[in-house]
Amino acid sequence: MITVTSVKPLTNYYLELGFSNNEIRCFDVKPYLEKGIFTELKDESYFKQVALQLGSITWKNGQDFSPETLYIKSVAV
């Protein structure tokens, strides 16, 4: 199973993600910003508070993505 090993918030609601297979990929969060709990991520200062947790990413109010989703929906850098 691939896990997230690093995360860096970028401009325009992108995340640069490092994975356990040594790939660096870019994930676009914009398609999720109008969906339920993810609407809080529209606040850029909150979006930038993303953190690693248990092989994936999360924000303090519980927003998260599975590492599989992050990998499949991201593009190689």
C-alpha atoms as a PDB file:
ATOM      1  CA  MET A   1       0.000   0.000   0.000  1.00  0.00           C
ATOM      2  CA  ILE A   2       1.305   3.431  -0.964  1.00  0.00           C
ATOM      3  CA  THR A   3       1.291   6.069   1.773  1.00  0.00           C
ATOM      4  CA  VAL A   4       1.851   9.803   1.821  1.00  0.00           C
ATOM      5  CA  THR A   5       5.241  10.772   3.256  1.00  0.00           C
ATOM      6  CA  SER A   6       5.194  14.537   2.702  1.00  0.00           C
ATOM      7  CA  VAL A   7       2.731  17.292   1.909  1.00  0.00           C
ATOM      8  CA  LYS A   8       3.211  20.896   0.819  1.00  0.00           C
ATOM      9  CA  PRO A   9       0.283  23.230   0.125  1.00  0.00           C
ATOM     10  CA  LEU A  10       0.672  25.174  -3.109  1.00  0.00           C
ATOM     11  CA  THR A  11      -1.260  28.052  -4.644  1.00  0.00           C
ATOM     12  CA  ASN A  12      -4.675  27.600  -6.242  1.00  0.00           C
ATOM     13  CA  TYR A  13      -5.644  24.690  -3.935  1.00  0.00           C
ATOM     14  CA  TYR A  14      -2.998  22.241  -5.095  1.00  0.00           C
ATOM     15  CA  LEU A  15      -1.005  19.938  -2.839  1.00  0.00           C
ATOM     16  CA  GLU A  16       2.448  18.606  -3.609  1.00  0.00           C
ATOM     17  CA  LEU A  17       2.583  15.096  -2.189  1.00  0.00           C
ATOM     18  CA  GLY A  18       5.462  12.719  -1.624  1.00  0.00           C
ATOM     19  CA  PHE A  19       4.611   9.029  -1.622  1.00  0.00           C
ATOM     20  CA  SER A  20       6.284   5.983  -0.120  1.00  0.00           C
ATOM     21  CA  ASN A  21       7.271   4.778  -3.595  1.00  0.00           C
ATOM     22  CA  ASN A  22       9.443   7.953  -3.907  1.00  0.00           C
ATOM     23  CA  GLU A  23       7.090   9.653  -6.392  1.00  0.00           C
ATOM     24  CA  ILE A  24       6.218  13.333  -6.100  1.00  0.00           C
ATOM     25  CA  ARG A  25       2.710  14.083  -7.352  1.00  0.00           C
ATOM     26  CA  CYS A  26       0.356  17.078  -7.472  1.00  0.00           C
ATOM     27  CA  PHE A  27      -3.247  16.810  -6.241  1.00  0.00           C
ATOM     28  CA  ASP A  28      -5.930  19.362  -7.143  1.00  0.00           C
ATOM     29  CA  VAL A  29      -8.343  19.949  -4.243  1.00  0.00           C
ATOM     30  CA  LYS A  30     -10.584  22.380  -6.191  1.00  0.00           C
ATOM     31  CA  PRO A  31     -13.116  19.720  -7.334  1.00  0.00           C
ATOM     32  CA  TYR A  32     -13.898  18.970  -3.669  1.00  0.00           C
ATOM     33  CA  LEU A  33     -14.304  22.558  -2.380  1.00  0.00           C
ATOM     34  CA  GLU A  34     -18.086  22.593  -2.854  1.00  0.00           C
ATOM     35  CA  LYS A  35     -18.702  19.245  -1.163  1.00  0.00           C
ATOM     36  CA  GLY A  36     -19.779  18.992   2.487  1.00  0.00           C
ATOM     37  CA  ILE A  37     -17.017  19.337   5.046  1.00  0.00           C
ATOM     38  CA  PHE A  38     -14.483  20.244   2.348  1.00  0.00           C
ATOM     39  CA  THR A  39     -16.060  23.718   1.891  1.00  0.00           C
ATOM     40  CA  GLU A  40     -13.970  24.884   4.875  1.00  0.00           C
ATOM     41  CA  LEU A  41     -10.867  24.383   2.744  1.00  0.00           C
ATOM     42  CA  LYS A  42     -11.842  27.441   0.672  1.00  0.00           C
ATOM     43  CA  ASP A  43     -10.261  29.495   3.461  1.00  0.00           C
ATOM     44  CA  GLU A  44      -6.685  29.558   2.149  1.00  0.00           C
ATOM     45  CA  SER A  45      -5.117  29.993   5.573  1.00  0.00           C
ATOM     46  CA  TYR A  46      -6.991  26.900   6.781  1.00  0.00           C
ATOM     47  CA  PHE A  47      -6.121  24.989   3.585  1.00  0.00           C
ATOM     48  CA  LYS A  48      -2.424  25.622   4.277  1.00  0.00           C
ATOM     49  CA  GLN A  49      -2.738  23.909   7.691  1.00  0.00           C
ATOM     50  CA  VAL A  50      -2.768  20.473   6.042  1.00  0.00           C
ATOM     51  CA  ALA A  51      -0.765  17.866   7.966  1.00  0.00           C
ATOM     52  CA  LEU A  52       0.440  14.304   7.638  1.00  0.00           C
ATOM     53  CA  GLN A  53      -1.385  11.698   9.681  1.00  0.00           C
ATOM     54  CA  LEU A  54      -1.280   7.901   9.529  1.00  0.00           C
ATOM     55  CA  GLY A  55       0.123   7.738   5.996  1.00  0.00           C
ATOM     56  CA  SER A  56      -2.247  10.314   4.545  1.00  0.00           C
ATOM     57  CA  ILE A  57      -3.240  13.965   5.033  1.00  0.00           C
ATOM     58  CA  THR A  58      -5.752  15.723   7.246  1.00  0.00           C
ATOM     59  CA  TRP A  59      -6.893  19.095   8.524  1.00  0.00           C
ATOM     60  CA  LYS A  60      -7.822  19.912  12.139  1.00  0.00           C
ATOM     61  CA  ASN A  61     -11.601  19.784  11.545  1.00  0.00           C
ATOM     62  CA  GLY A  62     -11.482  16.248  10.155  1.00  0.00           C
ATOM     63  CA  GLN A  63     -11.183  16.727   6.415  1.00  0.00           C
ATOM     64  CA  ASP A  64      -9.035  14.006   4.907  1.00  0.00           C
ATOM     65  CA  PHE A  65      -8.389  11.970   1.795  1.00  0.00           C
ATOM     66  CA  SER A  66      -7.346   8.351   1.541  1.00  0.00           C
ATOM     67  CA  PRO A  67      -3.810   7.803   0.258  1.00  0.00           C
ATOM     68  CA  GLU A  68      -5.274   5.777  -2.606  1.00  0.00           C
ATOM     69  CA  THR A  69      -7.474   8.676  -3.735  1.00  0.00           C
ATOM     70  CA  LEU A  70      -4.572  11.095  -3.465  1.00  0.00           C
ATOM     71  CA  TYR A  71      -2.369   8.855  -5.587  1.00  0.00           C
ATOM     72  CA  ILE A  72      -4.924   7.941  -8.253  1.00  0.00           C
ATOM     73  CA  LYS A  73      -6.299  11.477  -8.666  1.00  0.00           C
ATOM     74  CA  SER A  74      -2.912  13.210  -8.668  1.00  0.00           C
ATOM     75  CA  VAL A  75      -0.445  13.764 -11.501  1.00  0.00           C
ATOM     76  CA  ALA A  76       3.292  13.173 -11.509  1.00  0.00           C
ATOM     77  CA  VAL A  77       5.453  16.252 -11.123  1.00  0.00           C
END
